[in-house]
Amino acid sequence: MAARYPSPVLTSSSASSPSPLDGLRFAFGTLTVLPVRVHRWDRGAACGGMLAAPAAGLVVGGCAAGLGLLLLLLGAGPLLAAVASVAVPAALTRGLHLDGLADTADGLGSGKPAEDALRIMKQSDIGPFGVITLVLVLLAQVAVLAQLYGDSWARGAPAAVTSAVTARLALTLAARTGVPAARPEGLGAAVAGVVPVRGAAGVAAVCVLAAAAAGTPFGAYGVVRAAFAVLLALAVAEWLLRRCVRRFGGVTGDVFGALEETAATAALVVLAFGH
């Protein structure tokens, strides 16, 4: 995750209960590079922040869709609009989620014990598994958005927003109670297990309903497709999460990045089918 705070270790309590604004600040301050100052680093604020992660995704997705639509309006083709829509989330996170995807791929592909795999993931270089994964994921995202923008701006723009929200929703679910951290320090440890299961489920339900509502202009099939895109993306992210927990002993900041990019891509792939 794209954190900008001095220490990833959060305190268990604070003098007062965090407000919803503290949660929003935490979400935008750690999941984006937007100039948002985070005032609280306790676990209560982290809980609020991870519950608000889809809101950060909504802003990121809105910026991605906005740039894509602007290019289309100026006469650019759907491929350039798609590239722009994929570039915006990377820029708004300084590429750290993509880096987490590559590092996680290297760790999983190394075949080494958990301790050695985690050490590989902390290295600054990217191995062959990471490179291949990055290329395929980015190609898939651009290909889908180019297809959707080519069909209609009304399909491409909502898809960009839906994928960004779903990506951050995967982080909310991954931060739920019962999911351990792979290390006692680091970004994964900062948010691991801070979100109550009921809270995560409630946020997920709201996001699925919102995606379904966004699909209503395309009829019943559009509603089902949009809702299914979110659900399938979360299922794929959950599969990856469980594999990482078994493989590494828990989650890390890199794993969170991998979950985000995986969910975003899976949601786009589903949205590519049907007209």
Protein backbone atom coordinates (compact mmCIF):
# COMPACT_ATOMS: atom_id res chain seq x y z
CA MET A 1 0.00 0.00 0.00
CA ALA A 2 1.12 3.52 -0.68
CA ALA A 3 1.75 4.70 2.85
CA ARG A 4 3.36 8.00 3.80
CA TYR A 5 3.41 7.81 7.57
CA PRO A 6 6.53 7.61 9.72
CA SER A 7 5.95 4.24 11.34
CA PRO A 8 3.79 1.32 10.22
CA VAL A 9 3.21 0.18 13.79
CA LEU A 10 -0.12 1.42 15.09
CA THR A 11 -1.04 1.89 18.71
CA SER A 12 -3.94 -0.13 20.07
CA SER A 13 -5.74 2.82 21.64
CA SER A 14 -5.91 6.58 21.71
CA ALA A 15 -7.22 9.30 23.97
CA SER A 16 -10.49 9.55 22.06
CA SER A 17 -12.39 7.47 19.57
CA PRO A 18 -11.56 8.19 15.93
CA SER A 19 -14.12 10.08 13.89
CA PRO A 20 -15.30 9.13 10.39
CA LEU A 21 -13.09 11.94 9.10
CA ASP A 22 -10.08 10.24 10.70
CA GLY A 23 -10.94 7.09 8.76
CA LEU A 24 -11.26 8.98 5.49
CA ARG A 25 -7.96 10.73 6.11
CA PHE A 26 -6.33 7.39 6.81
CA ALA A 27 -7.78 5.86 3.62
CA PHE A 28 -6.75 8.69 1.32
CA GLY A 29 -3.46 9.30 3.09
CA THR A 30 -2.30 5.70 2.84
CA LEU A 31 -3.96 4.46 -0.36
CA THR A 32 -3.31 7.50 -2.58
CA VAL A 33 -0.72 10.22 -3.06
CA LEU A 34 -3.35 12.92 -2.71
CA PRO A 35 -2.24 15.64 -0.27
CA VAL A 36 -4.21 14.41 2.73
CA ARG A 37 -2.59 14.69 6.16
CA VAL A 38 -3.20 11.73 8.46
CA HIS A 39 -3.41 12.82 12.10
CA ARG A 40 -4.09 9.49 13.80
CA TRP A 41 -2.20 6.20 13.47
CA ASP A 42 -4.03 4.10 16.07
CA ARG A 43 -5.83 0.93 15.10
CA GLY A 44 -9.22 2.59 15.40
CA ALA A 45 -8.27 5.03 12.67
CA ALA A 46 -6.82 2.16 10.65
CA CYS A 47 -10.14 0.32 10.93
CA GLY A 48 -12.03 3.37 9.74
CA GLY A 49 -9.52 3.85 6.96
CA MET A 50 -9.81 0.34 5.62
CA LEU A 51 -13.60 0.51 5.80
CA ALA A 52 -13.37 3.73 3.78
CA ALA A 53 -10.95 2.24 1.23
CA PRO A 54 -13.66 1.93 -1.47
CA ALA A 55 -14.26 5.68 -1.15
CA ALA A 56 -10.64 6.25 -2.09
CA GLY A 57 -11.20 3.88 -4.98
CA LEU A 58 -14.20 5.93 -6.09
CA VAL A 59 -12.06 9.06 -6.34
CA VAL A 60 -9.21 7.24 -8.10
CA GLY A 61 -11.64 5.58 -10.51
CA GLY A 62 -13.40 8.85 -11.16
CA CYS A 63 -10.10 10.49 -12.09
CA ALA A 64 -9.21 7.55 -14.35
CA ALA A 65 -12.58 7.65 -16.10
CA GLY A 66 -12.45 11.43 -16.36
CA LEU A 67 -9.13 11.44 -18.17
CA GLY A 68 -10.28 8.70 -20.50
CA LEU A 69 -13.45 10.59 -21.35
CA LEU A 70 -11.52 13.81 -21.89
CA LEU A 71 -9.24 12.14 -24.41
CA LEU A 72 -12.21 10.67 -26.24
CA LEU A 73 -13.85 14.08 -26.31
CA LEU A 74 -10.68 15.57 -27.80
CA GLY A 75 -10.74 12.99 -30.58
CA ALA A 76 -8.37 10.34 -29.26
CA GLY A 77 -9.03 6.68 -29.93
CA PRO A 78 -10.24 4.14 -27.37
CA LEU A 79 -6.79 2.59 -26.98
CA LEU A 80 -5.20 5.85 -25.84
CA ALA A 81 -8.16 6.50 -23.53
CA ALA A 82 -7.68 3.02 -22.05
CA VAL A 83 -3.96 3.55 -21.49
CA ALA A 84 -4.72 6.84 -19.73
CA SER A 85 -7.35 5.23 -17.51
CA VAL A 86 -4.87 2.53 -16.47
CA ALA A 87 -2.08 5.05 -15.92
CA VAL A 88 -4.07 7.27 -13.55
CA PRO A 89 -4.42 4.72 -10.70
CA ALA A 90 -0.73 3.89 -11.03
CA ALA A 91 0.17 7.56 -10.81
CA LEU A 92 -2.13 8.20 -7.86
CA THR A 93 -0.41 5.42 -5.89
CA ARG A 94 3.13 6.03 -7.22
CA GLY A 95 2.93 2.54 -8.68
CA LEU A 96 3.30 0.91 -5.26
CA HIS A 97 0.35 -1.43 -5.77
CA LEU A 98 1.83 -2.62 -9.05
CA ASP A 99 5.14 -3.06 -7.27
CA GLY A 100 3.36 -5.11 -4.61
CA LEU A 101 1.85 -7.30 -7.32
CA ALA A 102 5.26 -7.92 -8.85
CA ASP A 103 6.90 -8.64 -5.49
CA THR A 104 4.12 -11.03 -4.50
CA ALA A 105 4.43 -12.86 -7.80
CA ASP A 106 8.17 -13.24 -7.23
CA GLY A 107 7.58 -14.50 -3.70
CA LEU A 108 4.95 -17.03 -4.73
CA GLY A 109 6.94 -18.15 -7.74
CA SER A 110 10.22 -18.58 -5.90
CA GLY A 111 9.22 -21.92 -4.39
CA LYS A 112 11.28 -21.06 -1.31
CA PRO A 113 10.26 -21.27 2.37
CA ALA A 114 8.21 -18.41 3.77
CA GLU A 115 11.13 -16.57 5.36
CA ASP A 116 13.18 -16.67 2.16
CA ALA A 117 10.17 -15.73 0.03
CA LEU A 118 9.47 -12.71 2.23
CA ARG A 119 13.10 -11.66 1.91
CA ILE A 120 12.81 -11.88 -1.89
CA MET A 121 9.70 -9.70 -1.76
CA LYS A 122 11.56 -7.01 0.21
CA GLN A 123 14.32 -6.71 -2.37
CA SER A 124 14.21 -3.66 -4.61
CA ASP A 125 14.62 -5.53 -7.89
CA ILE A 126 11.86 -7.35 -9.78
CA GLY A 127 12.33 -10.94 -10.89
CA PRO A 128 10.97 -12.77 -13.93
CA PHE A 129 7.70 -13.80 -12.27
CA GLY A 130 7.05 -10.20 -11.32
CA VAL A 131 7.82 -8.85 -14.78
CA ILE A 132 5.59 -11.38 -16.53
CA THR A 133 2.74 -10.77 -14.10
CA LEU A 134 2.96 -6.99 -14.49
CA VAL A 135 2.97 -7.19 -18.29
CA LEU A 136 -0.01 -9.54 -18.44
CA VAL A 137 -2.08 -7.62 -15.88
CA LEU A 138 -1.49 -4.24 -17.50
CA LEU A 139 -2.17 -5.65 -20.97
CA ALA A 140 -5.42 -7.18 -19.75
CA GLN A 141 -6.55 -3.92 -18.15
CA VAL A 142 -5.75 -1.85 -21.25
CA ALA A 143 -7.32 -4.41 -23.58
CA VAL A 144 -10.59 -4.50 -21.68
CA LEU A 145 -10.91 -0.74 -21.32
CA ALA A 146 -10.03 -0.22 -24.98
CA GLN A 147 -12.82 -2.62 -25.92
CA LEU A 148 -15.30 -0.92 -23.61
CA TYR A 149 -14.39 2.62 -24.68
CA GLY A 150 -14.64 1.42 -28.26
CA ASP A 151 -18.17 0.18 -27.62
CA SER A 152 -19.28 3.33 -25.81
CA TRP A 153 -17.97 5.85 -23.33
CA ALA A 154 -20.94 4.84 -21.18
CA ARG A 155 -19.42 1.37 -20.82
CA GLY A 156 -15.78 2.36 -20.47
CA ALA A 157 -16.09 5.05 -17.82
CA PRO A 158 -18.25 3.06 -15.35
CA ALA A 159 -15.92 0.09 -15.80
CA ALA A 160 -12.92 2.19 -14.80
CA VAL A 161 -14.74 3.36 -11.68
CA THR A 162 -16.08 -0.09 -10.79
CA SER A 163 -12.67 -1.73 -11.07
CA ALA A 164 -11.04 0.93 -8.87
CA VAL A 165 -13.70 0.65 -6.17
CA THR A 166 -13.60 -3.15 -6.26
CA ALA A 167 -9.82 -3.09 -5.97
CA ARG A 168 -9.97 -1.11 -2.73
CA LEU A 169 -12.88 -3.18 -1.46
CA ALA A 170 -10.60 -6.20 -1.69
CA LEU A 171 -8.30 -4.43 0.78
CA THR A 172 -11.19 -3.90 3.19
CA LEU A 173 -11.93 -7.62 3.19
CA ALA A 174 -8.26 -8.55 3.46
CA ALA A 175 -7.92 -6.39 6.59
CA ARG A 176 -10.70 -8.24 8.38
CA THR A 177 -10.37 -9.87 11.76
CA GLY A 178 -8.68 -13.27 11.59
CA VAL A 179 -6.26 -12.50 8.75
CA PRO A 180 -2.77 -12.38 10.31
CA ALA A 181 0.25 -10.33 9.34
CA ALA A 182 3.25 -12.15 7.89
CA ARG A 183 5.67 -9.90 9.80
CA PRO A 184 5.41 -8.13 13.15
CA GLU A 185 6.28 -4.86 11.40
CA GLY A 186 5.52 -3.27 8.05
CA LEU A 187 2.44 -2.07 6.26
CA GLY A 188 0.62 -5.38 6.43
CA ALA A 189 0.98 -5.51 10.20
CA ALA A 190 -0.34 -1.95 10.45
CA VAL A 191 -3.80 -2.88 9.15
CA ALA A 192 -4.00 -6.66 9.49
CA GLY A 193 -7.09 -7.73 11.40
CA VAL A 194 -8.39 -4.22 12.14
CA VAL A 195 -11.76 -4.53 10.36
CA PRO A 196 -14.61 -6.47 12.01
CA VAL A 197 -16.01 -9.17 9.73
CA ARG A 198 -19.52 -7.68 9.89
CA GLY A 199 -18.21 -4.27 8.95
CA ALA A 200 -16.31 -5.67 5.98
CA ALA A 201 -19.38 -7.60 4.83
CA GLY A 202 -21.54 -4.49 5.14
CA VAL A 203 -19.20 -2.39 3.02
CA ALA A 204 -19.02 -5.19 0.46
CA ALA A 205 -22.81 -5.35 0.25
CA VAL A 206 -23.05 -1.59 -0.32
CA CYS A 207 -20.44 -1.74 -3.10
CA VAL A 208 -22.17 -4.64 -4.85
CA LEU A 209 -25.51 -2.83 -4.75
CA ALA A 210 -23.89 0.37 -6.03
CA ALA A 211 -22.28 -1.52 -8.91
CA ALA A 212 -25.63 -3.11 -9.75
CA ALA A 213 -27.28 0.30 -9.76
CA ALA A 214 -24.60 1.60 -12.12
CA GLY A 215 -25.49 -1.21 -14.51
CA THR A 216 -29.18 -0.29 -14.76
CA PRO A 217 -28.78 1.78 -17.99
CA PHE A 218 -27.92 -1.50 -19.73
CA GLY A 219 -30.99 -3.37 -18.52
CA ALA A 220 -31.27 -6.44 -16.34
CA TYR A 221 -28.22 -8.03 -17.89
CA GLY A 222 -26.19 -4.93 -17.11
CA VAL A 223 -27.26 -5.06 -13.47
CA VAL A 224 -26.31 -8.72 -13.13
CA ARG A 225 -23.04 -8.29 -14.99
CA ALA A 226 -21.92 -5.36 -12.83
CA ALA A 227 -22.79 -7.10 -9.57
CA PHE A 228 -21.18 -10.33 -10.73
CA ALA A 229 -18.03 -8.46 -11.72
CA VAL A 230 -17.58 -7.24 -8.16
CA LEU A 231 -18.42 -10.60 -6.60
CA LEU A 232 -16.15 -12.60 -8.89
CA ALA A 233 -13.30 -10.14 -8.42
CA LEU A 234 -13.64 -10.47 -4.65
CA ALA A 235 -13.67 -14.25 -4.95
CA VAL A 236 -10.45 -14.20 -6.98
CA ALA A 237 -8.86 -11.81 -4.49
CA GLU A 238 -9.95 -14.06 -1.62
CA TRP A 239 -8.35 -17.05 -3.33
CA LEU A 240 -5.10 -15.14 -3.68
CA LEU A 241 -5.32 -13.92 -0.09
CA ARG A 242 -5.69 -17.44 1.27
CA ARG A 243 -2.82 -18.67 -0.84
CA CYS A 244 -0.60 -15.88 0.42
CA VAL A 245 -1.56 -16.54 4.04
CA ARG A 246 -0.69 -20.22 3.61
CA ARG A 247 2.51 -19.44 1.74
CA PHE A 248 3.84 -16.50 3.76
CA GLY A 249 2.06 -16.96 7.07
CA GLY A 250 0.01 -13.80 6.65
CA VAL A 251 -0.33 -10.57 4.71
CA THR A 252 2.19 -7.87 3.88
CA GLY A 253 1.96 -4.51 2.18
CA ASP A 254 2.98 -6.23 -1.05
CA VAL A 255 0.16 -8.74 -0.68
CA PHE A 256 -2.32 -5.90 -0.28
CA GLY A 257 -1.04 -4.37 -3.50
CA ALA A 258 -1.34 -7.69 -5.30
CA LEU A 259 -4.91 -8.16 -4.06
CA GLU A 260 -5.87 -4.71 -5.31
CA GLU A 261 -4.49 -5.17 -8.82
CA THR A 262 -5.89 -8.70 -9.06
CA ALA A 263 -9.39 -7.58 -8.07
CA ALA A 264 -9.29 -4.63 -10.47
CA THR A 265 -8.29 -6.85 -13.38
CA ALA A 266 -10.82 -9.57 -12.59
CA ALA A 267 -13.65 -7.04 -12.41
CA LEU A 268 -12.67 -5.57 -15.79
CA VAL A 269 -12.52 -8.98 -17.43
CA VAL A 270 -16.09 -9.76 -16.36
CA LEU A 271 -17.30 -6.37 -17.58
CA ALA A 272 -15.75 -7.09 -20.99
CA PHE A 273 -18.33 -9.77 -21.76
CA GLY A 274 -21.72 -9.02 -23.26
CA HIS A 275 -23.22 -5.89 -24.79
